[in-house]
Amino acid sequence: MKLSVVIPAYNEALNLPDTLTAFYNELVKNGIDHELLVINDNSKDNTVEVIAELQQTMPTIRTIVNTPPHNGFGYAVRKGLENYKGDCVAIVMADLSDDPADLVKFYNTFLEQKVDCVFGNRWGKEGKVIDYPKNKLYLNRFVNRMISFVFKMRYRDTTNAFKLYSRQAMEGIKPFMSPHFNLTVELPLKAIVRGYTFAVVPNSWQNRKHGTSNLKIKEMGSRYFFIILYCLIEKYFSRGDFKKKWD
């Protein structure tokens, strides 16, 4: 069962060596067949050269350039989700905010429980958050609790991109709509609304060491609202037209 790891990267040359090395070593150590698919989102730094150098010692690294005009986090992730080669796929941040050991837990849970998706939860029991920006903390918890309430589910970390999906689930939630960070909400909500099974695994998160996040809160409010509303309408009014087709 091959695992693809989609890593969107815009000007992450300082973070990629640590991130790719950590994930490569952890996956190799655990004997997991994988690819590390880096989506270079038209970076202006020396990302290309950094990836090329890392590929010399880590043969599972593959890279695709997300060329203009469709740039940005959502488009970069979508590029990866259209081009990965594995039987399942995880989305991982280039800044090493996600823990490679947690990805192994996701993968093993996926195999053992035979679910369609595995979602991380940073905020529940056994989860861990290190140096989360205070200006985003209260908004994060409000939005996730609101999503949990309106969709009548107990899961409260929907906005976290760090999740794993089977190929069947990923094909079943197409076409993708979100070109921005709201893609992180679209993917799990569509999977849940359309009847794909999921397990929740506690995971850890730590703030980046280099650079600043590309997420701009003021620009994302209406976009998050749009995709949440879309998924809510699908849940209550689509009459099951997009539901998972059981074998």
C-alpha atoms as a PDB file:
ATOM      1  CA  MET A   1       0.000   0.000   0.000  1.00  0.00           C
ATOM      2  CA  LYS A   2       1.879   3.024  -1.265  1.00  0.00           C
ATOM      3  CA  LEU A   3       1.570   6.309   0.617  1.00  0.00           C
ATOM      4  CA  SER A   4       1.884   9.624  -1.203  1.00  0.00           C
ATOM      5  CA  VAL A   5       2.763  12.694   0.850  1.00  0.00           C
ATOM      6  CA  VAL A   6       1.738  15.943  -0.850  1.00  0.00           C
ATOM      7  CA  ILE A   7       3.807  18.904   0.391  1.00  0.00           C
ATOM      8  CA  PRO A   8       2.904  22.371  -1.004  1.00  0.00           C
ATOM      9  CA  ALA A   9       5.859  24.743  -0.852  1.00  0.00           C
ATOM     10  CA  TYR A  10       6.128  28.445  -1.575  1.00  0.00           C
ATOM     11  CA  ASN A  11       9.511  29.961  -0.650  1.00  0.00           C
ATOM     12  CA  GLU A  12      10.214  27.188   1.857  1.00  0.00           C
ATOM     13  CA  ALA A  13      13.876  26.594   0.967  1.00  0.00           C
ATOM     14  CA  LEU A  14      14.919  27.032   4.603  1.00  0.00           C
ATOM     15  CA  ASN A  15      12.339  24.550   5.908  1.00  0.00           C
ATOM     16  CA  LEU A  16      12.343  21.849   3.235  1.00  0.00           C
ATOM     17  CA  PRO A  17      15.649  20.156   4.178  1.00  0.00           C
ATOM     18  CA  ASP A  18      14.500  19.474   7.746  1.00  0.00           C
ATOM     19  CA  THR A  19      10.970  18.550   6.691  1.00  0.00           C
ATOM     20  CA  LEU A  20      11.867  16.172   3.877  1.00  0.00           C
ATOM     21  CA  THR A  21      14.697  14.556   5.816  1.00  0.00           C
ATOM     22  CA  ALA A  22      12.469  13.964   8.841  1.00  0.00           C
ATOM     23  CA  PHE A  23       9.610  12.445   6.845  1.00  0.00           C
ATOM     24  CA  TYR A  24      11.905  10.392   4.624  1.00  0.00           C
ATOM     25  CA  ASN A  25      13.795   8.912   7.569  1.00  0.00           C
ATOM     26  CA  GLU A  26      10.631   8.103   9.525  1.00  0.00           C
ATOM     27  CA  LEU A  27       8.876   6.435   6.600  1.00  0.00           C
ATOM     28  CA  VAL A  28      11.949   4.444   5.607  1.00  0.00           C
ATOM     29  CA  LYS A  29      12.524   3.367   9.218  1.00  0.00           C
ATOM     30  CA  ASN A  30       8.984   1.997   9.347  1.00  0.00           C
ATOM     31  CA  GLY A  31       9.242   0.268   5.977  1.00  0.00           C
ATOM     32  CA  ILE A  32       6.445   2.283   4.360  1.00  0.00           C
ATOM     33  CA  ASP A  33       6.432   2.386   0.570  1.00  0.00           C
ATOM     34  CA  HIS A  34       5.998   6.052  -0.236  1.00  0.00           C
ATOM     35  CA  GLU A  35       6.662   9.118  -2.332  1.00  0.00           C
ATOM     36  CA  LEU A  36       7.288  12.642  -1.073  1.00  0.00           C
ATOM     37  CA  LEU A  37       5.621  14.834  -3.691  1.00  0.00           C
ATOM     38  CA  VAL A  38       6.716  18.453  -3.313  1.00  0.00           C
ATOM     39  CA  ILE A  39       4.594  20.984  -5.185  1.00  0.00           C
ATOM     40  CA  ASN A  40       6.807  24.000  -5.832  1.00  0.00           C
ATOM     41  CA  ASP A  41       4.252  26.800  -5.992  1.00  0.00           C
ATOM     42  CA  ASN A  42       6.292  29.045  -8.287  1.00  0.00           C
ATOM     43  CA  SER A  43       8.737  29.883  -5.475  1.00  0.00           C
ATOM     44  CA  LYS A  44      11.001  32.925  -5.799  1.00  0.00           C
ATOM     45  CA  ASP A  45      13.796  31.590  -3.572  1.00  0.00           C
ATOM     46  CA  ASN A  46      16.148  28.646  -4.248  1.00  0.00           C
ATOM     47  CA  THR A  47      13.550  25.963  -3.619  1.00  0.00           C
ATOM     48  CA  VAL A  48      14.346  24.258  -6.935  1.00  0.00           C
ATOM     49  CA  GLU A  49      18.028  23.867  -6.090  1.00  0.00           C
ATOM     50  CA  VAL A  50      17.285  22.678  -2.548  1.00  0.00           C
ATOM     51  CA  ILE A  51      14.930  19.955  -3.774  1.00  0.00           C
ATOM     52  CA  ALA A  52      17.383  18.830  -6.456  1.00  0.00           C
ATOM     53  CA  GLU A  53      20.130  18.447  -3.870  1.00  0.00           C
ATOM     54  CA  LEU A  54      17.913  16.495  -1.489  1.00  0.00           C
ATOM     55  CA  GLN A  55      16.862  14.138  -4.277  1.00  0.00           C
ATOM     56  CA  GLN A  56      20.466  12.955  -4.530  1.00  0.00           C
ATOM     57  CA  THR A  57      20.185  11.175  -1.179  1.00  0.00           C
ATOM     58  CA  MET A  58      16.407  10.690  -0.896  1.00  0.00           C
ATOM     59  CA  PRO A  59      15.150   8.938  -4.037  1.00  0.00           C
ATOM     60  CA  THR A  60      11.481   8.962  -3.028  1.00  0.00           C
ATOM     61  CA  ILE A  61      11.276  12.759  -3.429  1.00  0.00           C
ATOM     62  CA  ARG A  62       9.363  13.836  -6.515  1.00  0.00           C
ATOM     63  CA  THR A  63       8.581  17.413  -7.455  1.00  0.00           C
ATOM     64  CA  ILE A  64       6.139  19.302  -9.667  1.00  0.00           C
ATOM     65  CA  VAL A  65       6.113  23.025 -10.368  1.00  0.00           C
ATOM     66  CA  ASN A  66       2.736  24.709 -10.044  1.00  0.00           C
ATOM     67  CA  THR A  67       3.063  27.309 -12.776  1.00  0.00           C
ATOM     68  CA  PRO A  68       1.132  30.619 -12.988  1.00  0.00           C
ATOM     69  CA  PRO A  69      -1.525  31.878 -13.081  1.00  0.00           C
ATOM     70  CA  HIS A  70      -3.136  29.401 -10.667  1.00  0.00           C
ATOM     71  CA  ASN A  71      -0.871  29.786  -7.667  1.00  0.00           C
ATOM     72  CA  GLY A  72      -1.610  29.710  -3.954  1.00  0.00           C
ATOM     73  CA  PHE A  73      -1.961  27.043  -1.285  1.00  0.00           C
ATOM     74  CA  GLY A  74      -5.207  25.516  -2.536  1.00  0.00           C
ATOM     75  CA  TYR A  75      -4.095  25.317  -6.144  1.00  0.00           C
ATOM     76  CA  ALA A  76      -0.743  23.816  -5.118  1.00  0.00           C
ATOM     77  CA  VAL A  77      -2.400  21.098  -3.047  1.00  0.00           C
ATOM     78  CA  ARG A  78      -4.872  20.397  -5.828  1.00  0.00           C
ATOM     79  CA  LYS A  79      -1.956  20.016  -8.249  1.00  0.00           C
ATOM     80  CA  GLY A  80      -0.547  17.368  -5.951  1.00  0.00           C
ATOM     81  CA  LEU A  81      -3.877  15.612  -5.550  1.00  0.00           C
ATOM     82  CA  GLU A  82      -4.172  15.366  -9.333  1.00  0.00           C
ATOM     83  CA  ASN A  83      -0.687  13.886  -9.734  1.00  0.00           C
ATOM     84  CA  TYR A  84       0.106  11.594  -6.801  1.00  0.00           C
ATOM     85  CA  LYS A  85       0.829   7.926  -7.479  1.00  0.00           C
ATOM     86  CA  GLY A  86      -0.009   6.221  -4.185  1.00  0.00           C
ATOM     87  CA  ASP A  87      -2.966   4.187  -2.965  1.00  0.00           C
ATOM     88  CA  CYS A  88      -3.545   6.764  -0.239  1.00  0.00           C
ATOM     89  CA  VAL A  89      -2.453  10.359   0.179  1.00  0.00           C
ATOM     90  CA  ALA A  90      -1.633  12.684   3.067  1.00  0.00           C
ATOM     91  CA  ILE A  91      -1.250  16.451   3.015  1.00  0.00           C
ATOM     92  CA  VAL A  92       1.726  17.730   5.003  1.00  0.00           C
ATOM     93  CA  MET A  93       3.019  21.253   5.572  1.00  0.00           C
ATOM     94  CA  ALA A  94       6.503  22.167   4.320  1.00  0.00           C
ATOM     95  CA  ASP A  95       7.436  23.903   7.588  1.00  0.00           C
ATOM     96  CA  LEU A  96       7.654  20.720   9.715  1.00  0.00           C
ATOM     97  CA  SER A  97       4.700  21.769  11.833  1.00  0.00           C
ATOM     98  CA  ASP A  98       3.410  18.203  11.384  1.00  0.00           C
ATOM     99  CA  ASP A  99       5.166  15.283  13.096  1.00  0.00           C
ATOM    100  CA  PRO A 100       6.426  12.432  10.866  1.00  0.00           C
ATOM    101  CA  ALA A 101       5.705   9.927  13.652  1.00  0.00           C
ATOM    102  CA  ASP A 102       2.047  11.015  13.527  1.00  0.00           C
ATOM    103  CA  LEU A 103       1.923  10.267   9.818  1.00  0.00           C
ATOM    104  CA  VAL A 104       3.049   6.714  10.569  1.00  0.00           C
ATOM    105  CA  LYS A 105       0.203   6.480  13.093  1.00  0.00           C
ATOM    106  CA  PHE A 106      -2.232   7.755  10.466  1.00  0.00           C
ATOM    107  CA  TYR A 107      -1.022   5.178   7.945  1.00  0.00           C
ATOM    108  CA  ASN A 108      -1.168   2.272  10.395  1.00  0.00           C
ATOM    109  CA  THR A 109      -4.642   3.303  11.551  1.00  0.00           C
ATOM    110  CA  PHE A 110      -5.764   3.494   7.932  1.00  0.00           C
ATOM    111  CA  LEU A 111      -4.606  -0.089   7.338  1.00  0.00           C
ATOM    112  CA  GLU A 112      -5.741  -1.573  10.636  1.00  0.00           C
ATOM    113  CA  GLN A 113      -9.199   0.003  10.828  1.00  0.00           C
ATOM    114  CA  LYS A 114      -9.848  -0.151   7.082  1.00  0.00           C
ATOM    115  CA  VAL A 115     -11.316   3.347   7.018  1.00  0.00           C
ATOM    116  CA  ASP A 116     -11.429   5.739   4.063  1.00  0.00           C
ATOM    117  CA  CYS A 117      -9.784   8.647   5.894  1.00  0.00           C
ATOM    118  CA  VAL A 118      -7.716   9.404   8.975  1.00  0.00           C
ATOM    119  CA  PHE A 119      -8.027  12.840  10.563  1.00  0.00           C
ATOM    120  CA  GLY A 120      -5.665  14.325  13.129  1.00  0.00           C
ATOM    121  CA  ASN A 121      -6.862  16.100  16.260  1.00  0.00           C
ATOM    122  CA  ARG A 122      -4.398  18.492  17.861  1.00  0.00           C
ATOM    123  CA  TRP A 123      -6.761  19.733  20.559  1.00  0.00           C
ATOM    124  CA  GLY A 124      -8.233  16.605  22.127  1.00  0.00           C
ATOM    125  CA  LYS A 125      -6.870  14.144  24.643  1.00  0.00           C
ATOM    126  CA  GLU A 126      -3.238  13.206  23.860  1.00  0.00           C
ATOM    127  CA  GLY A 127      -3.001  15.936  21.221  1.00  0.00           C
ATOM    128  CA  LYS A 128      -0.268  18.543  21.549  1.00  0.00           C
ATOM    129  CA  VAL A 129       0.174  22.106  20.315  1.00  0.00           C
ATOM    130  CA  ILE A 130       3.428  24.046  20.650  1.00  0.00           C
ATOM    131  CA  ASP A 131       3.650  27.818  20.173  1.00  0.00           C
ATOM    132  CA  TYR A 132       0.328  28.254  18.365  1.00  0.00           C
ATOM    133  CA  PRO A 133      -0.083  31.962  17.398  1.00  0.00           C
ATOM    134  CA  LYS A 134      -2.338  33.614  19.950  1.00  0.00           C
ATOM    135  CA  ASN A 135      -4.065  35.771  17.340  1.00  0.00           C
ATOM    136  CA  LYS A 136      -5.244  32.615  15.573  1.00  0.00           C
ATOM    137  CA  LEU A 137      -5.992  30.409  18.578  1.00  0.00           C
ATOM    138  CA  TYR A 138      -9.419  31.715  19.594  1.00  0.00           C
ATOM    139  CA  LEU A 139     -10.564  32.019  15.995  1.00  0.00           C
ATOM    140  CA  ASN A 140      -9.431  28.454  15.298  1.00  0.00           C
ATOM    141  CA  ARG A 141     -11.363  27.030  18.219  1.00  0.00           C
ATOM    142  CA  PHE A 142     -14.483  29.076  17.428  1.00  0.00           C
ATOM    143  CA  VAL A 143     -14.549  28.035  13.765  1.00  0.00           C
ATOM    144  CA  ASN A 144     -13.941  24.369  14.521  1.00  0.00           C
ATOM    145  CA  ARG A 145     -16.588  24.267  17.240  1.00  0.00           C
ATOM    146  CA  MET A 146     -19.038  26.000  14.914  1.00  0.00           C
ATOM    147  CA  ILE A 147     -18.354  23.446  12.162  1.00  0.00           C
ATOM    148  CA  SER A 148     -18.776  20.612  14.653  1.00  0.00           C
ATOM    149  CA  PHE A 149     -22.112  22.018  15.786  1.00  0.00           C
ATOM    150  CA  VAL A 150     -23.708  22.702  12.417  1.00  0.00           C
ATOM    151  CA  PHE A 151     -22.596  19.360  10.954  1.00  0.00           C
ATOM    152  CA  LYS A 152     -23.581  17.476  14.121  1.00  0.00           C
ATOM    153  CA  MET A 153     -20.250  15.743  14.588  1.00  0.00           C
ATOM    154  CA  ARG A 154     -17.844  15.420  17.493  1.00  0.00           C
ATOM    155  CA  TYR A 155     -14.677  16.044  15.475  1.00  0.00           C
ATOM    156  CA  ARG A 156     -13.236  19.522  16.203  1.00  0.00           C
ATOM    157  CA  ASP A 157     -10.112  19.979  14.092  1.00  0.00           C
ATOM    158  CA  THR A 158     -11.571  20.219  10.606  1.00  0.00           C
ATOM    159  CA  THR A 159      -9.371  23.157   9.570  1.00  0.00           C
ATOM    160  CA  ASN A 160      -6.149  21.207  10.093  1.00  0.00           C
ATOM    161  CA  ALA A 161      -4.765  20.201   6.686  1.00  0.00           C
ATOM    162  CA  PHE A 162      -2.833  17.218   8.104  1.00  0.00           C
ATOM    163  CA  LYS A 163      -5.097  14.330   7.080  1.00  0.00           C
ATOM    164  CA  LEU A 164      -4.888  11.079   5.120  1.00  0.00           C
ATOM    165  CA  TYR A 165      -7.316   9.904   2.436  1.00  0.00           C
ATOM    166  CA  SER A 166      -7.710   6.727   0.412  1.00  0.00           C
ATOM    167  CA  ARG A 167      -7.585   7.126  -3.346  1.00  0.00           C
ATOM    168  CA  GLN A 168     -11.244   6.098  -3.489  1.00  0.00           C
ATOM    169  CA  ALA A 169     -12.208   8.851  -1.059  1.00  0.00           C
ATOM    170  CA  MET A 170     -10.107  11.456  -2.851  1.00  0.00           C
ATOM    171  CA  GLU A 171     -11.712  10.589  -6.178  1.00  0.00           C
ATOM    172  CA  GLY A 172     -15.131  10.639  -4.535  1.00  0.00           C
ATOM    173  CA  ILE A 173     -14.824  14.207  -3.238  1.00  0.00           C
ATOM    174  CA  LYS A 174     -13.895  15.690  -6.599  1.00  0.00           C
ATOM    175  CA  PRO A 175     -14.244  18.136  -8.237  1.00  0.00           C
ATOM    176  CA  PHE A 176     -12.297  20.429  -5.952  1.00  0.00           C
ATOM    177  CA  MET A 177     -13.689  23.923  -5.556  1.00  0.00           C
ATOM    178  CA  SER A 178     -11.376  25.804  -3.198  1.00  0.00           C
ATOM    179  CA  PRO A 179      -8.325  27.643  -4.581  1.00  0.00           C
ATOM    180  CA  HIS A 180      -7.163  28.852  -1.168  1.00  0.00           C
ATOM    181  CA  PHE A 181      -6.676  27.572   2.405  1.00  0.00           C
ATOM    182  CA  ASN A 182     -10.382  26.753   2.574  1.00  0.00           C
ATOM    183  CA  LEU A 183      -9.457  23.568   0.707  1.00  0.00           C
ATOM    184  CA  THR A 184      -8.422  22.210   4.118  1.00  0.00           C
ATOM    185  CA  VAL A 185     -12.092  22.419   5.142  1.00  0.00           C
ATOM    186  CA  GLU A 186     -13.564  21.310   1.828  1.00  0.00           C
ATOM    187  CA  LEU A 187     -11.770  17.956   1.714  1.00  0.00           C
ATOM    188  CA  PRO A 188     -12.804  16.510   5.095  1.00  0.00           C
ATOM    189  CA  LEU A 189     -16.315  17.978   5.076  1.00  0.00           C
ATOM    190  CA  LYS A 190     -17.058  16.553   1.654  1.00  0.00           C
ATOM    191  CA  ALA A 191     -15.667  13.185   2.744  1.00  0.00           C
ATOM    192  CA  ILE A 192     -17.871  13.186   5.849  1.00  0.00           C
ATOM    193  CA  VAL A 193     -20.995  14.440   4.082  1.00  0.00           C
ATOM    194  CA  ARG A 194     -20.565  11.903   1.292  1.00  0.00           C
ATOM    195  CA  GLY A 195     -20.374   8.983   3.682  1.00  0.00           C
ATOM    196  CA  TYR A 196     -16.702   8.071   3.696  1.00  0.00           C
ATOM    197  CA  THR A 197     -15.570   6.469   6.934  1.00  0.00           C
ATOM    198  CA  PHE A 198     -12.911   8.087   9.066  1.00  0.00           C
ATOM    199  CA  ALA A 199     -10.874   7.565  12.210  1.00  0.00           C
ATOM    200  CA  VAL A 200      -9.540  10.339  14.441  1.00  0.00           C
ATOM    201  CA  VAL A 201      -5.973  10.120  15.753  1.00  0.00           C
ATOM    202  CA  PRO A 202      -4.408  12.577  18.223  1.00  0.00           C
ATOM    203  CA  ASN A 203      -1.450  14.398  16.725  1.00  0.00           C
ATOM    204  CA  SER A 204       0.983  17.160  17.592  1.00  0.00           C
ATOM    205  CA  TRP A 205       1.658  20.521  15.957  1.00  0.00           C
ATOM    206  CA  GLN A 206       4.477  23.010  16.381  1.00  0.00           C
ATOM    207  CA  ASN A 207       5.025  26.451  14.941  1.00  0.00           C
ATOM    208  CA  ARG A 208       7.438  26.918  12.052  1.00  0.00           C
ATOM    209  CA  LYS A 209      11.108  27.734  12.662  1.00  0.00           C
ATOM    210  CA  HIS A 210      11.689  29.793   9.511  1.00  0.00           C
ATOM    211  CA  GLY A 211       9.568  32.315   7.625  1.00  0.00           C
ATOM    212  CA  THR A 212       5.930  33.223   8.137  1.00  0.00           C
ATOM    213  CA  SER A 213       2.711  31.450   7.314  1.00  0.00           C
ATOM    214  CA  ASN A 214       1.022  32.335   4.013  1.00  0.00           C
ATOM    215  CA  LEU A 215      -2.414  32.159   5.637  1.00  0.00           C
ATOM    216  CA  LYS A 216      -4.042  35.601   5.800  1.00  0.00           C
ATOM    217  CA  ILE A 217      -6.987  35.457   8.189  1.00  0.00           C
ATOM    218  CA  LYS A 218      -8.692  38.631   6.947  1.00  0.00           C
ATOM    219  CA  GLU A 219      -8.746  37.313   3.392  1.00  0.00           C
ATOM    220  CA  MET A 220     -10.131  33.882   4.298  1.00  0.00           C
ATOM    221  CA  GLY A 221     -13.285  34.547   6.322  1.00  0.00           C
ATOM    222  CA  SER A 222     -15.764  34.698   3.449  1.00  0.00           C
ATOM    223  CA  ARG A 223     -14.015  31.855   1.622  1.00  0.00           C
ATOM    224  CA  TYR A 224     -14.281  29.541   4.622  1.00  0.00           C
ATOM    225  CA  PHE A 225     -17.917  30.546   5.045  1.00  0.00           C
ATOM    226  CA  PHE A 226     -18.653  29.795   1.397  1.00  0.00           C
ATOM    227  CA  ILE A 227     -17.239  26.274   1.444  1.00  0.00           C
ATOM    228  CA  ILE A 228     -18.834  25.460   4.817  1.00  0.00           C
ATOM    229  CA  LEU A 229     -22.201  26.651   3.484  1.00  0.00           C
ATOM    230  CA  TYR A 230     -21.748  24.641   0.281  1.00  0.00           C
ATOM    231  CA  CYS A 231     -21.029  21.434   2.212  1.00  0.00           C
ATOM    232  CA  LEU A 232     -23.938  22.136   4.556  1.00  0.00           C
ATOM    233  CA  ILE A 233     -26.318  22.535   1.608  1.00  0.00           C
ATOM    234  CA  GLU A 234     -25.017  19.294   0.128  1.00  0.00           C
ATOM    235  CA  LYS A 235     -25.532  17.511   3.453  1.00  0.00           C
ATOM    236  CA  TYR A 236     -29.189  18.506   3.814  1.00  0.00           C
ATOM    237  CA  PHE A 237     -30.439  19.107   0.271  1.00  0.00           C
ATOM    238  CA  SER A 238     -28.526  16.914  -2.221  1.00  0.00           C
ATOM    239  CA  ARG A 239     -30.665  13.860  -1.393  1.00  0.00           C
ATOM    240  CA  GLY A 240     -27.568  11.683  -1.311  1.00  0.00           C
ATOM    241  CA  ASP A 241     -26.635  12.226  -4.956  1.00  0.00           C
ATOM    242  CA  PHE A 242     -22.920  12.455  -4.094  1.00  0.00           C
ATOM    243  CA  LYS A 243     -22.821   9.719  -1.447  1.00  0.00           C
ATOM    244  CA  LYS A 244     -20.146   7.051  -1.470  1.00  0.00           C
ATOM    245  CA  LYS A 245     -21.137   4.146  -3.704  1.00  0.00           C
ATOM    246  CA  TRP A 246     -20.766   1.077  -1.534  1.00  0.00           C
ATOM    247  CA  ASP A 247     -19.461  -2.133  -3.080  1.00  0.00           C
END
